Amino acid sequence: MAAAEPPGAGALPQLAESLLCQLQENFEALTEKITLRMEEMGERIDDLEKHVADLMTEAGIENTDEESRH
């Protein structure tokens, strides 16, 4: 005699699939947000480095860090 499935057990795989799809969508959206923020922060750091270099040039200070990179 085979064991009977509990009521609603047939919907469990569909529910799990739906949940996994929602998690995937949320993960992709979060990944996109994080990537965008990282790109924005990179641009801000680049701007900050340029402004610091400009201020150092105005002050007549050599940028020894910049020279050591070349």
N, C-alpha and C. Protein backbone atom coordinates (compact mmCIF):
# COMPACT_ATOMS: atom_id res chain seq x y z
N MET A 1 0.84 -1.19 0.00
CA MET A 1 0.00 0.00 0.00
C MET A 1 0.88 1.25 0.00
N ALA A 2 0.69 2.12 -0.95
CA ALA A 2 1.50 3.32 -1.07
C ALA A 2 1.00 4.39 -0.10
N ALA A 3 1.95 5.18 0.41
CA ALA A 3 1.60 6.25 1.35
C ALA A 3 0.93 7.38 0.57
N ALA A 4 -0.14 7.90 1.10
CA ALA A 4 -0.87 8.99 0.45
C ALA A 4 -0.13 10.31 0.70
N GLU A 5 -0.11 11.17 -0.32
CA GLU A 5 0.52 12.49 -0.16
C GLU A 5 -0.40 13.38 0.67
N PRO A 6 0.20 14.20 1.52
CA PRO A 6 -0.64 15.14 2.28
C PRO A 6 -1.25 16.17 1.32
N PRO A 7 -2.38 16.74 1.69
CA PRO A 7 -3.02 17.74 0.84
C PRO A 7 -2.07 18.92 0.57
N GLY A 8 -2.00 19.35 -0.66
CA GLY A 8 -1.15 20.50 -1.01
C GLY A 8 0.29 20.13 -1.29
N ALA A 9 0.67 18.87 -1.15
CA ALA A 9 2.07 18.47 -1.37
C ALA A 9 2.46 18.63 -2.83
N GLY A 10 1.52 18.53 -3.74
CA GLY A 10 1.82 18.70 -5.16
C GLY A 10 2.21 20.13 -5.50
N ALA A 11 1.77 21.08 -4.72
CA ALA A 11 2.07 22.49 -4.97
C ALA A 11 3.42 22.90 -4.39
N LEU A 12 4.01 22.05 -3.57
CA LEU A 12 5.28 22.39 -2.91
C LEU A 12 6.41 22.66 -3.91
N PRO A 13 6.60 21.83 -4.93
CA PRO A 13 7.67 22.14 -5.89
C PRO A 13 7.45 23.48 -6.60
N GLN A 14 6.21 23.79 -6.93
CA GLN A 14 5.91 25.07 -7.59
C GLN A 14 6.20 26.24 -6.64
N LEU A 15 5.85 26.07 -5.38
CA LEU A 15 6.12 27.10 -4.38
C LEU A 15 7.62 27.31 -4.21
N ALA A 16 8.37 26.21 -4.16
CA ALA A 16 9.82 26.31 -4.02
C ALA A 16 10.42 27.00 -5.24
N GLU A 17 9.95 26.64 -6.43
CA GLU A 17 10.45 27.26 -7.66
C GLU A 17 10.15 28.76 -7.68
N SER A 18 8.96 29.13 -7.26
CA SER A 18 8.58 30.54 -7.20
C SER A 18 9.47 31.30 -6.22
N LEU A 19 9.71 30.71 -5.08
CA LEU A 19 10.56 31.34 -4.07
C LEU A 19 11.98 31.51 -4.59
N LEU A 20 12.50 30.49 -5.25
CA LEU A 20 13.85 30.58 -5.82
C LEU A 20 13.93 31.66 -6.89
N CYS A 21 12.90 31.79 -7.70
CA CYS A 21 12.87 32.84 -8.73
C CYS A 21 12.87 34.23 -8.09
N GLN A 22 12.08 34.39 -7.04
CA GLN A 22 12.03 35.68 -6.34
C GLN A 22 13.39 36.00 -5.72
N LEU A 23 14.03 35.01 -5.12
CA LEU A 23 15.34 35.22 -4.54
C LEU A 23 16.36 35.60 -5.61
N GLN A 24 16.30 34.94 -6.76
CA GLN A 24 17.20 35.25 -7.86
C GLN A 24 17.00 36.68 -8.34
N GLU A 25 15.76 37.10 -8.49
CA GLU A 25 15.46 38.47 -8.92
C GLU A 25 15.98 39.49 -7.91
N ASN A 26 15.74 39.22 -6.63
CA ASN A 26 16.22 40.13 -5.59
C ASN A 26 17.74 40.19 -5.57
N PHE A 27 18.39 39.05 -5.73
CA PHE A 27 19.84 39.00 -5.75
C PHE A 27 20.40 39.79 -6.93
N GLU A 28 19.79 39.63 -8.11
CA GLU A 28 20.24 40.36 -9.29
C GLU A 28 20.06 41.87 -9.12
N ALA A 29 18.95 42.28 -8.53
CA ALA A 29 18.71 43.71 -8.30
C ALA A 29 19.72 44.27 -7.31
N LEU A 30 20.00 43.52 -6.26
CA LEU A 30 20.97 43.95 -5.26
C LEU A 30 22.37 44.02 -5.87
N THR A 31 22.71 43.04 -6.68
CA THR A 31 24.01 43.04 -7.36
C THR A 31 24.16 44.27 -8.25
N GLU A 32 23.10 44.60 -8.96
CA GLU A 32 23.12 45.78 -9.84
C GLU A 32 23.32 47.06 -9.03
N LYS A 33 22.61 47.17 -7.90
CA LYS A 33 22.75 48.35 -7.04
C LYS A 33 24.17 48.47 -6.50
N ILE A 34 24.73 47.36 -6.04
CA ILE A 34 26.07 47.38 -5.47
C ILE A 34 27.09 47.75 -6.54
N THR A 35 26.95 47.19 -7.73
CA THR A 35 27.86 47.50 -8.83
C THR A 35 27.80 48.99 -9.18
N LEU A 36 26.60 49.53 -9.25
CA LEU A 36 26.42 50.95 -9.55
C LEU A 36 27.08 51.81 -8.47
N ARG A 37 26.86 51.45 -7.21
CA ARG A 37 27.46 52.22 -6.11
C ARG A 37 28.99 52.16 -6.16
N MET A 38 29.52 50.99 -6.48
CA MET A 38 30.97 50.85 -6.57
C MET A 38 31.53 51.70 -7.70
N GLU A 39 30.84 51.75 -8.83
CA GLU A 39 31.27 52.59 -9.95
C GLU A 39 31.22 54.07 -9.56
N GLU A 40 30.16 54.46 -8.86
CA GLU A 40 30.03 55.85 -8.40
C GLU A 40 31.16 56.20 -7.43
N MET A 41 31.45 55.30 -6.51
CA MET A 41 32.52 55.55 -5.55
C MET A 41 33.87 55.63 -6.26
N GLY A 42 34.09 54.80 -7.26
CA GLY A 42 35.32 54.86 -8.03
C GLY A 42 35.49 56.20 -8.72
N GLU A 43 34.39 56.70 -9.30
CA GLU A 43 34.43 58.02 -9.95
C GLU A 43 34.71 59.12 -8.93
N ARG A 44 34.11 59.01 -7.76
CA ARG A 44 34.32 60.03 -6.72
C ARG A 44 35.76 60.00 -6.23
N ILE A 45 36.33 58.81 -6.10
CA ILE A 45 37.73 58.69 -5.67
C ILE A 45 38.65 59.29 -6.74
N ASP A 46 38.37 59.00 -8.01
CA ASP A 46 39.17 59.57 -9.10
C ASP A 46 39.11 61.10 -9.06
N ASP A 47 37.91 61.65 -8.88
CA ASP A 47 37.76 63.11 -8.79
C ASP A 47 38.53 63.67 -7.59
N LEU A 48 38.44 62.99 -6.47
CA LEU A 48 39.13 63.44 -5.28
C LEU A 48 40.64 63.44 -5.50
N GLU A 49 41.17 62.37 -6.11
CA GLU A 49 42.60 62.31 -6.40
C GLU A 49 43.02 63.45 -7.32
N LYS A 50 42.19 63.75 -8.33
CA LYS A 50 42.51 64.84 -9.25
C LYS A 50 42.52 66.17 -8.52
N HIS A 51 41.52 66.40 -7.66
CA HIS A 51 41.46 67.66 -6.92
C HIS A 51 42.64 67.80 -5.97
N VAL A 52 43.02 66.73 -5.31
CA VAL A 52 44.17 66.78 -4.41
C VAL A 52 45.44 67.08 -5.20
N ALA A 53 45.59 66.43 -6.35
CA ALA A 53 46.77 66.69 -7.20
C ALA A 53 46.79 68.15 -7.66
N ASP A 54 45.62 68.68 -8.03
CA ASP A 54 45.54 70.08 -8.45
C ASP A 54 45.92 71.02 -7.30
N LEU A 55 45.42 70.74 -6.10
CA LEU A 55 45.76 71.57 -4.94
C LEU A 55 47.25 71.50 -4.63
N MET A 56 47.81 70.31 -4.75
CA MET A 56 49.25 70.16 -4.50
C MET A 56 50.06 70.95 -5.52
N THR A 57 49.60 70.94 -6.78
CA THR A 57 50.29 71.69 -7.82
C THR A 57 50.20 73.18 -7.53
N GLU A 58 49.02 73.64 -7.12
CA GLU A 58 48.85 75.06 -6.78
C GLU A 58 49.73 75.45 -5.61
N ALA A 59 49.90 74.53 -4.67
CA ALA A 59 50.71 74.82 -3.49
C ALA A 59 52.20 74.65 -3.75
N GLY A 60 52.53 74.12 -4.92
CA GLY A 60 53.94 73.93 -5.25
C GLY A 60 54.54 72.69 -4.61
N ILE A 61 53.71 71.76 -4.25
CA ILE A 61 54.17 70.51 -3.62
C ILE A 61 54.23 69.44 -4.71
N GLU A 62 55.36 68.73 -4.74
CA GLU A 62 55.47 67.65 -5.72
C GLU A 62 54.66 66.46 -5.25
N ASN A 63 54.06 65.77 -6.19
CA ASN A 63 53.28 64.57 -5.89
C ASN A 63 54.20 63.36 -6.01
N THR A 64 54.88 63.03 -4.91
CA THR A 64 55.84 61.92 -4.93
C THR A 64 55.14 60.59 -5.15
N ASP A 65 53.92 60.45 -4.71
CA ASP A 65 53.17 59.20 -4.91
C ASP A 65 52.91 58.99 -6.39
N GLU A 66 52.55 60.02 -7.09
CA GLU A 66 52.28 59.94 -8.53
C GLU A 66 53.57 59.58 -9.28
N GLU A 67 54.69 60.19 -8.89
CA GLU A 67 55.95 59.91 -9.56
C GLU A 67 56.42 58.48 -9.34
N SER A 68 56.14 57.92 -8.18
CA SER A 68 56.59 56.56 -7.89
C SER A 68 55.79 55.52 -8.66
N ARG A 69 54.64 55.88 -9.16
CA ARG A 69 53.81 54.93 -9.95
C ARG A 69 54.36 54.77 -11.36
N HIS A 70 55.06 55.80 -11.86
CA HIS A 70 55.53 55.76 -13.27
C HIS A 70 56.85 55.09 -13.37
